[in-house]
Amino acid sequence: MFDFQKDFRFIAPVKVLVPTLDGQQEKTFTAEFRLVPKDEMEKAVKGKGADESLIAMRLALVGWKDDLTQKGAPWPFTPDRRDELLSVPYCLGAVSMAYWRQVQGVLVEKN
């Protein structure tokens, strides 16, 4: 049975590939997203060009769990911290991939 809900939130793992001196290191955290309706997303990003992904993720990313830290200490979610995180290109890409993977119905296997 499928129970349609237009307005809901969900959590998803975010895999961040952090650049290092000898390649990349994979780190993960758990994000909380809001499903942004298609019409709202299109209106927000229309004509914004390269900023579309950033604008979309500002709408969608509404929280994260305690597994996102800064200097080893918990880094609780705030809108300013969300924007700081999304200002880092590899973080923006990772958050965007996690969101779209979930909302487009791509099967995510559990470990």
C-alpha atoms as a PDB file:
ATOM      1  CA  MET A   1       0.000   0.000   0.000  1.00  0.00           C
ATOM      2  CA  PHE A   2       1.231   3.500  -0.840  1.00  0.00           C
ATOM      3  CA  ASP A   3       0.025   6.311   1.434  1.00  0.00           C
ATOM      4  CA  PHE A   4       0.662   9.550  -0.470  1.00  0.00           C
ATOM      5  CA  GLN A   5       1.984  12.460   1.591  1.00  0.00           C
ATOM      6  CA  LYS A   6       2.934  15.678  -0.159  1.00  0.00           C
ATOM      7  CA  ASP A   7       4.527  17.339   2.854  1.00  0.00           C
ATOM      8  CA  PHE A   8       6.941  15.214   4.816  1.00  0.00           C
ATOM      9  CA  ARG A   9      10.456  14.997   6.190  1.00  0.00           C
ATOM     10  CA  PHE A  10      12.953  12.180   5.941  1.00  0.00           C
ATOM     11  CA  ILE A  11      16.481  11.346   7.012  1.00  0.00           C
ATOM     12  CA  ALA A  12      19.237  10.140   4.739  1.00  0.00           C
ATOM     13  CA  PRO A  13      22.945   9.394   5.026  1.00  0.00           C
ATOM     14  CA  VAL A  14      25.239  11.905   3.369  1.00  0.00           C
ATOM     15  CA  LYS A  15      28.577  10.609   2.111  1.00  0.00           C
ATOM     16  CA  VAL A  16      31.078  13.448   1.893  1.00  0.00           C
ATOM     17  CA  LEU A  17      34.295  12.889  -0.042  1.00  0.00           C
ATOM     18  CA  VAL A  18      36.740  15.183   1.750  1.00  0.00           C
ATOM     19  CA  PRO A  19      39.803  16.144  -0.285  1.00  0.00           C
ATOM     20  CA  THR A  20      43.133  15.210   1.298  1.00  0.00           C
ATOM     21  CA  LEU A  21      46.758  15.619   0.263  1.00  0.00           C
ATOM     22  CA  ASP A  22      46.745  12.086  -1.159  1.00  0.00           C
ATOM     23  CA  GLY A  23      43.211  11.765  -2.536  1.00  0.00           C
ATOM     24  CA  GLN A  24      39.903  11.728  -0.710  1.00  0.00           C
ATOM     25  CA  GLN A  25      38.537  10.456   2.558  1.00  0.00           C
ATOM     26  CA  GLU A  26      34.895   9.420   2.867  1.00  0.00           C
ATOM     27  CA  LYS A  27      33.038  10.811   5.870  1.00  0.00           C
ATOM     28  CA  THR A  28      29.339  10.483   6.595  1.00  0.00           C
ATOM     29  CA  PHE A  29      26.626  12.256   8.526  1.00  0.00           C
ATOM     30  CA  THR A  30      22.866  11.934   8.785  1.00  0.00           C
ATOM     31  CA  ALA A  31      20.795  14.748   7.293  1.00  0.00           C
ATOM     32  CA  GLU A  32      17.161  15.631   7.801  1.00  0.00           C
ATOM     33  CA  PHE A  33      15.411  16.810   4.667  1.00  0.00           C
ATOM     34  CA  ARG A  34      12.062  18.318   3.839  1.00  0.00           C
ATOM     35  CA  LEU A  35      10.504  17.145   0.609  1.00  0.00           C
ATOM     36  CA  VAL A  36      10.249  20.324  -1.440  1.00  0.00           C
ATOM     37  CA  PRO A  37       7.281  20.210  -3.844  1.00  0.00           C
ATOM     38  CA  LYS A  38       8.233  20.487  -7.512  1.00  0.00           C
ATOM     39  CA  ASP A  39       6.435  23.801  -8.054  1.00  0.00           C
ATOM     40  CA  GLU A  40       8.092  25.380  -5.012  1.00  0.00           C
ATOM     41  CA  MET A  41      11.521  24.150  -6.113  1.00  0.00           C
ATOM     42  CA  GLU A  42      11.070  25.407  -9.673  1.00  0.00           C
ATOM     43  CA  LYS A  43       9.872  28.835  -8.519  1.00  0.00           C
ATOM     44  CA  ALA A  44      12.807  29.213  -6.114  1.00  0.00           C
ATOM     45  CA  VAL A  45      15.536  28.268  -8.587  1.00  0.00           C
ATOM     46  CA  LYS A  46      14.081  29.709 -11.807  1.00  0.00           C
ATOM     47  CA  GLY A  47      16.648  31.869 -13.568  1.00  0.00           C
ATOM     48  CA  LYS A  48      19.265  31.501 -10.836  1.00  0.00           C
ATOM     49  CA  GLY A  49      21.785  29.619 -12.993  1.00  0.00           C
ATOM     50  CA  ALA A  50      24.765  28.190 -11.142  1.00  0.00           C
ATOM     51  CA  ASP A  51      23.143  28.826  -7.754  1.00  0.00           C
ATOM     52  CA  GLU A  52      20.275  26.375  -8.389  1.00  0.00           C
ATOM     53  CA  SER A  53      21.757  23.535  -6.360  1.00  0.00           C
ATOM     54  CA  LEU A  54      22.592  25.823  -3.449  1.00  0.00           C
ATOM     55  CA  ILE A  55      19.104  27.360  -3.435  1.00  0.00           C
ATOM     56  CA  ALA A  56      17.475  23.939  -3.656  1.00  0.00           C
ATOM     57  CA  MET A  57      19.471  22.531  -0.762  1.00  0.00           C
ATOM     58  CA  ARG A  58      18.766  25.588   1.403  1.00  0.00           C
ATOM     59  CA  LEU A  59      15.098  24.711   0.979  1.00  0.00           C
ATOM     60  CA  ALA A  60      15.524  20.978   1.509  1.00  0.00           C
ATOM     61  CA  LEU A  61      18.138  20.613   4.287  1.00  0.00           C
ATOM     62  CA  VAL A  62      16.315  21.246   7.567  1.00  0.00           C
ATOM     63  CA  GLY A  63      18.537  19.504  10.101  1.00  0.00           C
ATOM     64  CA  TRP A  64      21.153  16.915  10.892  1.00  0.00           C
ATOM     65  CA  LYS A  65      21.972  14.442  13.619  1.00  0.00           C
ATOM     66  CA  ASP A  66      24.806  14.632  16.158  1.00  0.00           C
ATOM     67  CA  ASP A  67      27.140  12.796  13.781  1.00  0.00           C
ATOM     68  CA  LEU A  68      27.954  16.120  12.108  1.00  0.00           C
ATOM     69  CA  THR A  69      30.608  17.760  14.244  1.00  0.00           C
ATOM     70  CA  GLN A  70      33.081  20.606  14.078  1.00  0.00           C
ATOM     71  CA  LYS A  71      36.517  20.054  15.613  1.00  0.00           C
ATOM     72  CA  GLY A  72      35.165  16.901  17.247  1.00  0.00           C
ATOM     73  CA  ALA A  73      32.327  18.646  19.091  1.00  0.00           C
ATOM     74  CA  PRO A  74      28.625  18.516  18.252  1.00  0.00           C
ATOM     75  CA  TRP A  75      27.610  21.142  15.717  1.00  0.00           C
ATOM     76  CA  PRO A  76      23.863  21.646  16.157  1.00  0.00           C
ATOM     77  CA  PHE A  77      21.846  22.708  13.135  1.00  0.00           C
ATOM     78  CA  THR A  78      21.040  26.367  12.555  1.00  0.00           C
ATOM     79  CA  PRO A  79      20.210  28.105   9.272  1.00  0.00           C
ATOM     80  CA  ASP A  80      23.574  29.927   9.418  1.00  0.00           C
ATOM     81  CA  ARG A  81      25.452  26.652   9.934  1.00  0.00           C
ATOM     82  CA  ARG A  82      23.473  25.064   7.096  1.00  0.00           C
ATOM     83  CA  ASP A  83      24.599  27.897   4.819  1.00  0.00           C
ATOM     84  CA  GLU A  84      28.195  27.551   6.036  1.00  0.00           C
ATOM     85  CA  LEU A  85      28.152  23.823   5.281  1.00  0.00           C
ATOM     86  CA  LEU A  86      26.578  24.340   1.853  1.00  0.00           C
ATOM     87  CA  SER A  87      29.171  26.993   0.960  1.00  0.00           C
ATOM     88  CA  VAL A  88      31.788  24.232   0.705  1.00  0.00           C
ATOM     89  CA  PRO A  89      31.521  22.743  -2.800  1.00  0.00           C
ATOM     90  CA  TYR A  90      32.161  19.103  -1.860  1.00  0.00           C
ATOM     91  CA  CYS A  91      29.616  19.361   0.980  1.00  0.00           C
ATOM     92  CA  LEU A  92      26.993  20.937  -1.271  1.00  0.00           C
ATOM     93  CA  GLY A  93      27.501  18.175  -3.822  1.00  0.00           C
ATOM     94  CA  ALA A  94      27.212  15.444  -1.186  1.00  0.00           C
ATOM     95  CA  VAL A  95      24.050  16.903   0.360  1.00  0.00           C
ATOM     96  CA  SER A  96      22.479  17.384  -3.050  1.00  0.00           C
ATOM     97  CA  MET A  97      23.282  13.807  -4.104  1.00  0.00           C
ATOM     98  CA  ALA A  98      21.797  12.416  -0.877  1.00  0.00           C
ATOM     99  CA  TYR A  99      18.582  14.420  -1.287  1.00  0.00           C
ATOM    100  CA  TRP A 100      17.988  13.656  -4.953  1.00  0.00           C
ATOM    101  CA  ARG A 101      18.852  10.013  -4.517  1.00  0.00           C
ATOM    102  CA  GLN A 102      16.076   9.673  -1.955  1.00  0.00           C
ATOM    103  CA  VAL A 103      13.371  11.716  -3.667  1.00  0.00           C
ATOM    104  CA  GLN A 104      13.893  10.203  -7.099  1.00  0.00           C
ATOM    105  CA  GLY A 105      13.257   6.723  -5.752  1.00  0.00           C
ATOM    106  CA  VAL A 106      16.726   5.265  -6.162  1.00  0.00           C
ATOM    107  CA  LEU A 107      17.057   2.118  -4.068  1.00  0.00           C
ATOM    108  CA  VAL A 108      19.491   2.610  -1.212  1.00  0.00           C
ATOM    109  CA  GLU A 109      20.693  -0.646   0.283  1.00  0.00           C
ATOM    110  CA  LYS A 110      21.057  -0.859   4.040  1.00  0.00           C
ATOM    111  CA  ASN A 111      24.247  -2.259   5.551  1.00  0.00           C
END
